[in-house]
Amino acid sequence: MMKLVLMAILALHCLVSQVHASDTVSDSNGHLWFTYVGDHPFGSSPWGIHLEGQARRSEMGDEWQQWLVRPGINYTLSPTLQFSAGWAYALTYRYGDYPVAFEFPEHRAWEQVVWKMKALGLEWQHRLRLEQRWIGEMEGSGNDWNVENWRYENRLRYMLRTTIPLTQDKKTYLALWDEIMVNFGTNVSGNHFDQNRAFIGIGHKLSDHTRMEFGFMEQTLQRRGGAIWENNHTFGVWFMTQWPFKAR
């Protein structure tokens, strides 16, 4: 099964490269992302809260690219299987050589399943997420812009992640993951492939419940309509915790 997953990801990379090569309009950017991810169980209960916030900066931190908050509810069925659902809000700014006309908001409902497994001597994590998206379409002039319509789309996301220990105590490790996103629905035109994110970085466990990761992510993104491709070279810092909320 693991070989099939790896072969599927390789095939998707090849497909993206072929489609991208046929497009002559591209935009290359340098980004800096700061991310907090918290999955907080209620003591020994299978229920918990997911809290996430991201500050994404363009021009290597000089300007805003996007900020996002993503709260949710977790249900842990077993040590290897977890279900989650929640809401998200994102605000995207103008950036790059081909910026949008004006910044725009987005609301999302999301549902996901995370499955952990061991293969090839490593621990692997599969994450499948479904999103229902309401994207603000802006109209106006000058500095007076307003949401005139909420465009509805669906997006399916799949991430494969693993870590490789770098120290004997396994507190420091190499983190590797790849995530592909695909749009679908009647309002999607020209960009059924949305984006791919490939990450490599160094992680360190600060405690039994918290860790930090620093690394580089290459984001290949096809803009709405399919006419513009972005190659975003992104440096990121992730702070992740699973500190439990204990009842008094």
C-alpha atoms as a PDB file:
ATOM      1  CA  MET A   1       0.000   0.000   0.000  1.00  0.00           C
ATOM      2  CA  MET A   2       2.803   2.406   0.864  1.00  0.00           C
ATOM      3  CA  LYS A   3       4.389   1.877  -2.544  1.00  0.00           C
ATOM      4  CA  LEU A   4       1.075   2.657  -4.246  1.00  0.00           C
ATOM      5  CA  VAL A   5       0.740   5.923  -2.314  1.00  0.00           C
ATOM      6  CA  LEU A   6       4.291   6.999  -3.195  1.00  0.00           C
ATOM      7  CA  MET A   7       3.751   6.108  -6.865  1.00  0.00           C
ATOM      8  CA  ALA A   8       0.506   8.120  -6.910  1.00  0.00           C
ATOM      9  CA  ILE A   9       2.267  11.194  -5.483  1.00  0.00           C
ATOM     10  CA  LEU A  10       5.077  10.867  -8.052  1.00  0.00           C
ATOM     11  CA  ALA A  11       2.512  10.611 -10.867  1.00  0.00           C
ATOM     12  CA  LEU A  12       0.733  13.730  -9.610  1.00  0.00           C
ATOM     13  CA  HIS A  13       4.037  15.626  -9.521  1.00  0.00           C
ATOM     14  CA  CYS A  14       4.721  14.631 -13.127  1.00  0.00           C
ATOM     15  CA  LEU A  15       1.227  15.735 -14.167  1.00  0.00           C
ATOM     16  CA  VAL A  16       1.645  19.101 -12.474  1.00  0.00           C
ATOM     17  CA  SER A  17       5.016  19.625 -14.145  1.00  0.00           C
ATOM     18  CA  GLN A  18       3.599  18.856 -17.604  1.00  0.00           C
ATOM     19  CA  VAL A  19       0.612  21.176 -17.193  1.00  0.00           C
ATOM     20  CA  HIS A  20       2.753  23.925 -15.743  1.00  0.00           C
ATOM     21  CA  ALA A  21       5.283  23.665 -18.553  1.00  0.00           C
ATOM     22  CA  SER A  22       2.559  24.433 -21.116  1.00  0.00           C
ATOM     23  CA  ASP A  23       1.636  27.707 -19.364  1.00  0.00           C
ATOM     24  CA  THR A  24       3.758  30.776 -20.114  1.00  0.00           C
ATOM     25  CA  VAL A  25       2.492  33.095 -17.340  1.00  0.00           C
ATOM     26  CA  SER A  26       4.208  32.482 -14.020  1.00  0.00           C
ATOM     27  CA  ASP A  27       4.937  34.387 -10.835  1.00  0.00           C
ATOM     28  CA  SER A  28       7.758  33.593  -8.407  1.00  0.00           C
ATOM     29  CA  ASN A  29       7.571  34.843  -4.817  1.00  0.00           C
ATOM     30  CA  GLY A  30       9.416  34.505  -1.533  1.00  0.00           C
ATOM     31  CA  HIS A  31       7.181  34.004   1.499  1.00  0.00           C
ATOM     32  CA  LEU A  32       7.522  33.660   5.250  1.00  0.00           C
ATOM     33  CA  TRP A  33       4.847  31.729   7.207  1.00  0.00           C
ATOM     34  CA  PHE A  34       4.298  31.516  10.960  1.00  0.00           C
ATOM     35  CA  THR A  35       1.884  28.808  12.126  1.00  0.00           C
ATOM     36  CA  TYR A  36       0.394  27.670  15.428  1.00  0.00           C
ATOM     37  CA  VAL A  37      -1.411  24.320  15.545  1.00  0.00           C
ATOM     38  CA  GLY A  38      -2.983  23.084  18.770  1.00  0.00           C
ATOM     39  CA  ASP A  39      -4.905  19.829  19.256  1.00  0.00           C
ATOM     40  CA  HIS A  40      -6.073  19.928  22.862  1.00  0.00           C
ATOM     41  CA  PRO A  41      -7.910  16.857  24.245  1.00  0.00           C
ATOM     42  CA  PHE A  42     -10.339  17.197  27.152  1.00  0.00           C
ATOM     43  CA  GLY A  43      -8.359  15.155  29.671  1.00  0.00           C
ATOM     44  CA  SER A  44      -8.828  11.441  28.936  1.00  0.00           C
ATOM     45  CA  SER A  45     -11.930  12.067  26.782  1.00  0.00           C
ATOM     46  CA  PRO A  46     -11.759  11.240  23.045  1.00  0.00           C
ATOM     47  CA  TRP A  47     -13.069  14.768  22.355  1.00  0.00           C
ATOM     48  CA  GLY A  48     -10.837  17.790  21.975  1.00  0.00           C
ATOM     49  CA  ILE A  49     -10.425  21.224  20.427  1.00  0.00           C
ATOM     50  CA  HIS A  50      -8.387  22.124  17.359  1.00  0.00           C
ATOM     51  CA  LEU A  51      -6.985  25.676  17.364  1.00  0.00           C
ATOM     52  CA  GLU A  52      -4.935  26.995  14.445  1.00  0.00           C
ATOM     53  CA  GLY A  53      -3.655  30.379  13.356  1.00  0.00           C
ATOM     54  CA  GLN A  54      -1.377  31.340  10.476  1.00  0.00           C
ATOM     55  CA  ALA A  55       0.340  34.606   9.588  1.00  0.00           C
ATOM     56  CA  ARG A  56       1.604  34.446   6.008  1.00  0.00           C
ATOM     57  CA  ARG A  57       3.879  37.215   4.748  1.00  0.00           C
ATOM     58  CA  SER A  58       5.123  37.915   1.223  1.00  0.00           C
ATOM     59  CA  GLU A  59       8.368  39.591   0.099  1.00  0.00           C
ATOM     60  CA  MET A  60      10.118  37.498   2.768  1.00  0.00           C
ATOM     61  CA  GLY A  61       8.110  39.161   5.530  1.00  0.00           C
ATOM     62  CA  ASP A  62       7.804  42.759   4.317  1.00  0.00           C
ATOM     63  CA  GLU A  63       4.133  42.601   3.265  1.00  0.00           C
ATOM     64  CA  TRP A  64       1.023  40.602   4.056  1.00  0.00           C
ATOM     65  CA  GLN A  65       0.122  37.625   1.902  1.00  0.00           C
ATOM     66  CA  GLN A  66      -2.664  36.072   3.979  1.00  0.00           C
ATOM     67  CA  TRP A  67      -3.799  35.387   7.518  1.00  0.00           C
ATOM     68  CA  LEU A  68      -5.981  32.490   8.572  1.00  0.00           C
ATOM     69  CA  VAL A  69      -7.727  31.110  11.671  1.00  0.00           C
ATOM     70  CA  ARG A  70      -9.075  27.545  11.751  1.00  0.00           C
ATOM     71  CA  PRO A  71     -10.860  26.298  14.913  1.00  0.00           C
ATOM     72  CA  GLY A  72     -12.487  22.888  15.104  1.00  0.00           C
ATOM     73  CA  ILE A  73     -13.496  19.828  17.122  1.00  0.00           C
ATOM     74  CA  ASN A  74     -11.506  16.570  17.269  1.00  0.00           C
ATOM     75  CA  TYR A  75     -12.680  13.043  18.008  1.00  0.00           C
ATOM     76  CA  THR A  76      -9.957  10.439  18.546  1.00  0.00           C
ATOM     77  CA  LEU A  77     -11.297   6.987  17.736  1.00  0.00           C
ATOM     78  CA  SER A  78      -7.996   5.211  18.390  1.00  0.00           C
ATOM     79  CA  PRO A  79      -4.285   6.091  18.739  1.00  0.00           C
ATOM     80  CA  THR A  80      -4.013   5.854  14.940  1.00  0.00           C
ATOM     81  CA  LEU A  81      -7.318   7.386  13.785  1.00  0.00           C
ATOM     82  CA  GLN A  82      -8.771  10.856  14.409  1.00  0.00           C
ATOM     83  CA  PHE A  83     -11.734  12.742  12.922  1.00  0.00           C
ATOM     84  CA  SER A  84     -12.097  16.520  12.926  1.00  0.00           C
ATOM     85  CA  ALA A  85     -14.460  19.213  11.661  1.00  0.00           C
ATOM     86  CA  GLY A  86     -14.633  22.971  11.968  1.00  0.00           C
ATOM     87  CA  TRP A  87     -14.687  26.407  10.376  1.00  0.00           C
ATOM     88  CA  ALA A  88     -12.008  28.675   8.936  1.00  0.00           C
ATOM     89  CA  TYR A  89     -11.656  32.301   7.949  1.00  0.00           C
ATOM     90  CA  ALA A  90      -8.929  33.658   5.673  1.00  0.00           C
ATOM     91  CA  LEU A  91      -8.091  37.106   4.341  1.00  0.00           C
ATOM     92  CA  THR A  92      -5.902  37.226   1.224  1.00  0.00           C
ATOM     93  CA  TYR A  93      -3.971  40.379   0.310  1.00  0.00           C
ATOM     94  CA  ARG A  94      -2.511  41.708  -2.926  1.00  0.00           C
ATOM     95  CA  TYR A  95       0.989  40.354  -3.571  1.00  0.00           C
ATOM     96  CA  GLY A  96       3.336  39.300  -6.366  1.00  0.00           C
ATOM     97  CA  ASP A  97       3.711  40.504  -9.945  1.00  0.00           C
ATOM     98  CA  TYR A  98       0.091  39.624 -10.776  1.00  0.00           C
ATOM     99  CA  PRO A  99      -1.869  40.716  -7.691  1.00  0.00           C
ATOM    100  CA  VAL A 100      -5.632  40.437  -7.305  1.00  0.00           C
ATOM    101  CA  ALA A 101      -7.546  43.692  -7.710  1.00  0.00           C
ATOM    102  CA  PHE A 102      -8.187  43.947  -3.985  1.00  0.00           C
ATOM    103  CA  GLU A 103      -7.848  41.865  -0.834  1.00  0.00           C
ATOM    104  CA  PHE A 104     -10.694  39.390  -0.347  1.00  0.00           C
ATOM    105  CA  PRO A 105     -12.137  37.258   2.483  1.00  0.00           C
ATOM    106  CA  GLU A 106     -13.017  33.572   2.534  1.00  0.00           C
ATOM    107  CA  HIS A 107     -15.079  31.353   4.842  1.00  0.00           C
ATOM    108  CA  ARG A 108     -14.628  27.579   4.913  1.00  0.00           C
ATOM    109  CA  ALA A 109     -16.259  24.593   6.543  1.00  0.00           C
ATOM    110  CA  TRP A 110     -13.895  21.633   6.770  1.00  0.00           C
ATOM    111  CA  GLU A 111     -13.906  17.953   7.684  1.00  0.00           C
ATOM    112  CA  GLN A 112     -10.882  15.689   7.894  1.00  0.00           C
ATOM    113  CA  VAL A 113      -9.564  12.295   8.900  1.00  0.00           C
ATOM    114  CA  VAL A 114      -5.990  11.593  10.056  1.00  0.00           C
ATOM    115  CA  TRP A 115      -4.621   8.049   9.937  1.00  0.00           C
ATOM    116  CA  LYS A 116      -1.222   7.097  11.368  1.00  0.00           C
ATOM    117  CA  MET A 117       0.693   3.984  10.411  1.00  0.00           C
ATOM    118  CA  LYS A 118       4.174   2.451  10.428  1.00  0.00           C
ATOM    119  CA  ALA A 119       5.946   1.356   7.251  1.00  0.00           C
ATOM    120  CA  LEU A 120       9.521   1.125   5.967  1.00  0.00           C
ATOM    121  CA  GLY A 121      10.759   1.591   9.528  1.00  0.00           C
ATOM    122  CA  LEU A 122       9.138   5.040   9.794  1.00  0.00           C
ATOM    123  CA  GLU A 123       5.951   6.549  11.155  1.00  0.00           C
ATOM    124  CA  TRP A 124       3.610   7.943   8.480  1.00  0.00           C
ATOM    125  CA  GLN A 125       0.601  10.206   8.701  1.00  0.00           C
ATOM    126  CA  HIS A 126      -2.147  10.435   6.078  1.00  0.00           C
ATOM    127  CA  ARG A 127      -4.466  13.451   6.247  1.00  0.00           C
ATOM    128  CA  LEU A 128      -7.523  13.770   4.016  1.00  0.00           C
ATOM    129  CA  ARG A 129      -9.448  17.049   4.276  1.00  0.00           C
ATOM    130  CA  LEU A 130     -12.624  18.199   2.513  1.00  0.00           C
ATOM    131  CA  GLU A 131     -13.437  21.923   2.390  1.00  0.00           C
ATOM    132  CA  GLN A 132     -16.573  23.822   1.451  1.00  0.00           C
ATOM    133  CA  ARG A 133     -15.430  27.330   0.494  1.00  0.00           C
ATOM    134  CA  TRP A 134     -17.242  30.665   0.223  1.00  0.00           C
ATOM    135  CA  ILE A 135     -14.861  33.086  -1.514  1.00  0.00           C
ATOM    136  CA  GLY A 136     -15.654  36.784  -1.508  1.00  0.00           C
ATOM    137  CA  GLU A 137     -15.872  38.353  -4.977  1.00  0.00           C
ATOM    138  CA  MET A 138     -15.136  42.060  -4.689  1.00  0.00           C
ATOM    139  CA  GLU A 139     -16.598  45.000  -6.580  1.00  0.00           C
ATOM    140  CA  GLY A 140     -15.924  48.710  -6.249  1.00  0.00           C
ATOM    141  CA  SER A 141     -13.396  51.392  -7.144  1.00  0.00           C
ATOM    142  CA  GLY A 142     -10.483  53.125  -5.472  1.00  0.00           C
ATOM    143  CA  ASN A 143     -10.371  52.224  -1.796  1.00  0.00           C
ATOM    144  CA  ASP A 144     -14.092  51.428  -1.644  1.00  0.00           C
ATOM    145  CA  TRP A 145     -14.414  47.694  -2.249  1.00  0.00           C
ATOM    146  CA  ASN A 146     -17.102  45.375  -0.918  1.00  0.00           C
ATOM    147  CA  VAL A 147     -18.121  41.724  -1.204  1.00  0.00           C
ATOM    148  CA  GLU A 148     -20.750  41.560  -3.949  1.00  0.00           C
ATOM    149  CA  ASN A 149     -20.983  37.775  -4.153  1.00  0.00           C
ATOM    150  CA  TRP A 150     -19.814  34.673  -2.252  1.00  0.00           C
ATOM    151  CA  ARG A 151     -18.460  32.188  -4.790  1.00  0.00           C
ATOM    152  CA  TYR A 152     -18.937  28.574  -3.626  1.00  0.00           C
ATOM    153  CA  GLU A 153     -16.326  25.919  -4.382  1.00  0.00           C
ATOM    154  CA  ASN A 154     -15.198  22.571  -2.984  1.00  0.00           C
ATOM    155  CA  ARG A 155     -11.632  21.470  -2.386  1.00  0.00           C
ATOM    156  CA  LEU A 156     -10.115  18.093  -1.529  1.00  0.00           C
ATOM    157  CA  ARG A 157      -6.697  17.970   0.150  1.00  0.00           C
ATOM    158  CA  TYR A 158      -4.401  14.993   0.772  1.00  0.00           C
ATOM    159  CA  MET A 159      -1.185  15.133   2.811  1.00  0.00           C
ATOM    160  CA  LEU A 160       1.418  12.419   3.346  1.00  0.00           C
ATOM    161  CA  ARG A 161       3.903  13.132   6.142  1.00  0.00           C
ATOM    162  CA  THR A 162       6.784  11.303   7.815  1.00  0.00           C
ATOM    163  CA  THR A 163       9.643  12.057  10.184  1.00  0.00           C
ATOM    164  CA  ILE A 164      13.169  10.641  10.363  1.00  0.00           C
ATOM    165  CA  PRO A 165      14.942  10.766  13.776  1.00  0.00           C
ATOM    166  CA  LEU A 166      18.274  12.599  13.760  1.00  0.00           C
ATOM    167  CA  THR A 167      19.265  11.972  17.381  1.00  0.00           C
ATOM    168  CA  GLN A 168      19.251   8.874  19.553  1.00  0.00           C
ATOM    169  CA  ASP A 169      16.538  10.249  21.835  1.00  0.00           C
ATOM    170  CA  LYS A 170      14.436  11.084  18.724  1.00  0.00           C
ATOM    171  CA  LYS A 171      13.791  14.625  19.973  1.00  0.00           C
ATOM    172  CA  THR A 172      15.349  16.153  16.865  1.00  0.00           C
ATOM    173  CA  TYR A 173      14.121  14.896  13.526  1.00  0.00           C
ATOM    174  CA  LEU A 174      13.831  15.544   9.813  1.00  0.00           C
ATOM    175  CA  ALA A 175      10.247  16.368   8.786  1.00  0.00           C
ATOM    176  CA  LEU A 176       9.036  15.585   5.256  1.00  0.00           C
ATOM    177  CA  TRP A 177       5.556  16.069   3.817  1.00  0.00           C
ATOM    178  CA  ASP A 178       3.705  16.717   0.605  1.00  0.00           C
ATOM    179  CA  GLU A 179       0.143  17.971   0.189  1.00  0.00           C
ATOM    180  CA  ILE A 180      -1.879  18.218  -2.995  1.00  0.00           C
ATOM    181  CA  MET A 181      -5.166  20.144  -3.327  1.00  0.00           C
ATOM    182  CA  VAL A 182      -7.841  19.712  -6.001  1.00  0.00           C
ATOM    183  CA  ASN A 183     -10.872  21.947  -6.646  1.00  0.00           C
ATOM    184  CA  PHE A 184     -14.231  20.628  -7.820  1.00  0.00           C
ATOM    185  CA  GLY A 185     -17.780  21.888  -8.301  1.00  0.00           C
ATOM    186  CA  THR A 186     -19.834  23.816 -10.838  1.00  0.00           C
ATOM    187  CA  ASN A 187     -18.068  27.120 -10.123  1.00  0.00           C
ATOM    188  CA  VAL A 188     -14.570  25.742 -10.771  1.00  0.00           C
ATOM    189  CA  SER A 189     -13.197  26.609 -14.206  1.00  0.00           C
ATOM    190  CA  GLY A 190      -9.615  26.287 -15.442  1.00  0.00           C
ATOM    191  CA  ASN A 191      -7.999  25.312 -12.157  1.00  0.00           C
ATOM    192  CA  HIS A 192      -9.252  21.934 -10.976  1.00  0.00           C
ATOM    193  CA  PHE A 193      -5.673  21.468  -9.786  1.00  0.00           C
ATOM    194  CA  ASP A 194      -5.323  24.057  -7.028  1.00  0.00           C
ATOM    195  CA  GLN A 195      -1.847  23.673  -5.564  1.00  0.00           C
ATOM    196  CA  ASN A 196       0.897  21.412  -4.249  1.00  0.00           C
ATOM    197  CA  ARG A 197       3.034  22.001  -1.172  1.00  0.00           C
ATOM    198  CA  ALA A 198       6.282  20.101  -0.607  1.00  0.00           C
ATOM    199  CA  PHE A 199       8.091  20.601   2.713  1.00  0.00           C
ATOM    200  CA  ILE A 200      11.443  19.658   4.236  1.00  0.00           C
ATOM    201  CA  GLY A 201      12.532  20.864   7.636  1.00  0.00           C
ATOM    202  CA  ILE A 202      14.021  20.202  11.054  1.00  0.00           C
ATOM    203  CA  GLY A 203      11.820  19.539  14.058  1.00  0.00           C
ATOM    204  CA  HIS A 204      12.537  19.427  17.766  1.00  0.00           C
ATOM    205  CA  LYS A 205      10.370  18.117  20.596  1.00  0.00           C
ATOM    206  CA  LEU A 206      10.308  20.716  23.376  1.00  0.00           C
ATOM    207  CA  SER A 207       8.293  18.463  25.702  1.00  0.00           C
ATOM    208  CA  ASP A 208       5.963  15.469  25.576  1.00  0.00           C
ATOM    209  CA  HIS A 209       3.223  17.756  24.254  1.00  0.00           C
ATOM    210  CA  THR A 210       4.958  20.481  22.215  1.00  0.00           C
ATOM    211  CA  ARG A 211       7.340  20.705  19.286  1.00  0.00           C
ATOM    212  CA  MET A 212       8.649  23.216  16.764  1.00  0.00           C
ATOM    213  CA  GLU A 213       9.571  22.808  13.118  1.00  0.00           C
ATOM    214  CA  PHE A 214      11.591  25.094  10.846  1.00  0.00           C
ATOM    215  CA  GLY A 215      11.911  24.492   7.158  1.00  0.00           C
ATOM    216  CA  PHE A 216      11.344  25.239   3.510  1.00  0.00           C
ATOM    217  CA  MET A 217       8.155  24.689   1.547  1.00  0.00           C
ATOM    218  CA  GLU A 218       7.848  24.889  -2.229  1.00  0.00           C
ATOM    219  CA  GLN A 219       4.298  25.862  -3.170  1.00  0.00           C
ATOM    220  CA  THR A 220       3.107  25.411  -6.753  1.00  0.00           C
ATOM    221  CA  LEU A 221      -0.226  27.191  -7.107  1.00  0.00           C
ATOM    222  CA  GLN A 222      -2.573  27.586 -10.061  1.00  0.00           C
ATOM    223  CA  ARG A 223      -4.592  30.775  -9.737  1.00  0.00           C
ATOM    224  CA  ARG A 224      -8.353  30.882 -10.315  1.00  0.00           C
ATOM    225  CA  GLY A 225      -9.099  30.574 -14.032  1.00  0.00           C
ATOM    226  CA  GLY A 226      -5.855  28.723 -14.710  1.00  0.00           C
ATOM    227  CA  ALA A 227      -4.002  31.540 -16.486  1.00  0.00           C
ATOM    228  CA  ILE A 228      -1.396  32.288 -13.796  1.00  0.00           C
ATOM    229  CA  TRP A 229       0.908  29.897 -11.949  1.00  0.00           C
ATOM    230  CA  GLU A 230       2.768  30.818  -8.773  1.00  0.00           C
ATOM    231  CA  ASN A 231       6.024  29.261  -7.614  1.00  0.00           C
ATOM    232  CA  ASN A 232       6.228  30.362  -3.999  1.00  0.00           C
ATOM    233  CA  HIS A 233       9.492  29.687  -2.139  1.00  0.00           C
ATOM    234  CA  THR A 234       8.398  29.691   1.476  1.00  0.00           C
ATOM    235  CA  PHE A 235      10.301  29.553   4.748  1.00  0.00           C
ATOM    236  CA  GLY A 236       8.150  28.584   7.684  1.00  0.00           C
ATOM    237  CA  VAL A 237       8.054  28.196  11.444  1.00  0.00           C
ATOM    238  CA  TRP A 238       5.494  25.801  12.955  1.00  0.00           C
ATOM    239  CA  PHE A 239       4.687  25.586  16.675  1.00  0.00           C
ATOM    240  CA  MET A 240       2.562  22.537  17.497  1.00  0.00           C
ATOM    241  CA  THR A 241       1.097  21.400  20.795  1.00  0.00           C
ATOM    242  CA  GLN A 242      -1.190  18.656  22.088  1.00  0.00           C
ATOM    243  CA  TRP A 243      -1.398  19.952  25.630  1.00  0.00           C
ATOM    244  CA  PRO A 244      -4.560  18.523  27.252  1.00  0.00           C
ATOM    245  CA  PHE A 245      -7.273  20.653  28.801  1.00  0.00           C
ATOM    246  CA  LYS A 246      -7.759  19.179  32.266  1.00  0.00           C
ATOM    247  CA  ALA A 247     -11.035  19.472  34.161  1.00  0.00           C
ATOM    248  CA  ARG A 248     -10.766  20.975  37.638  1.00  0.00           C
END
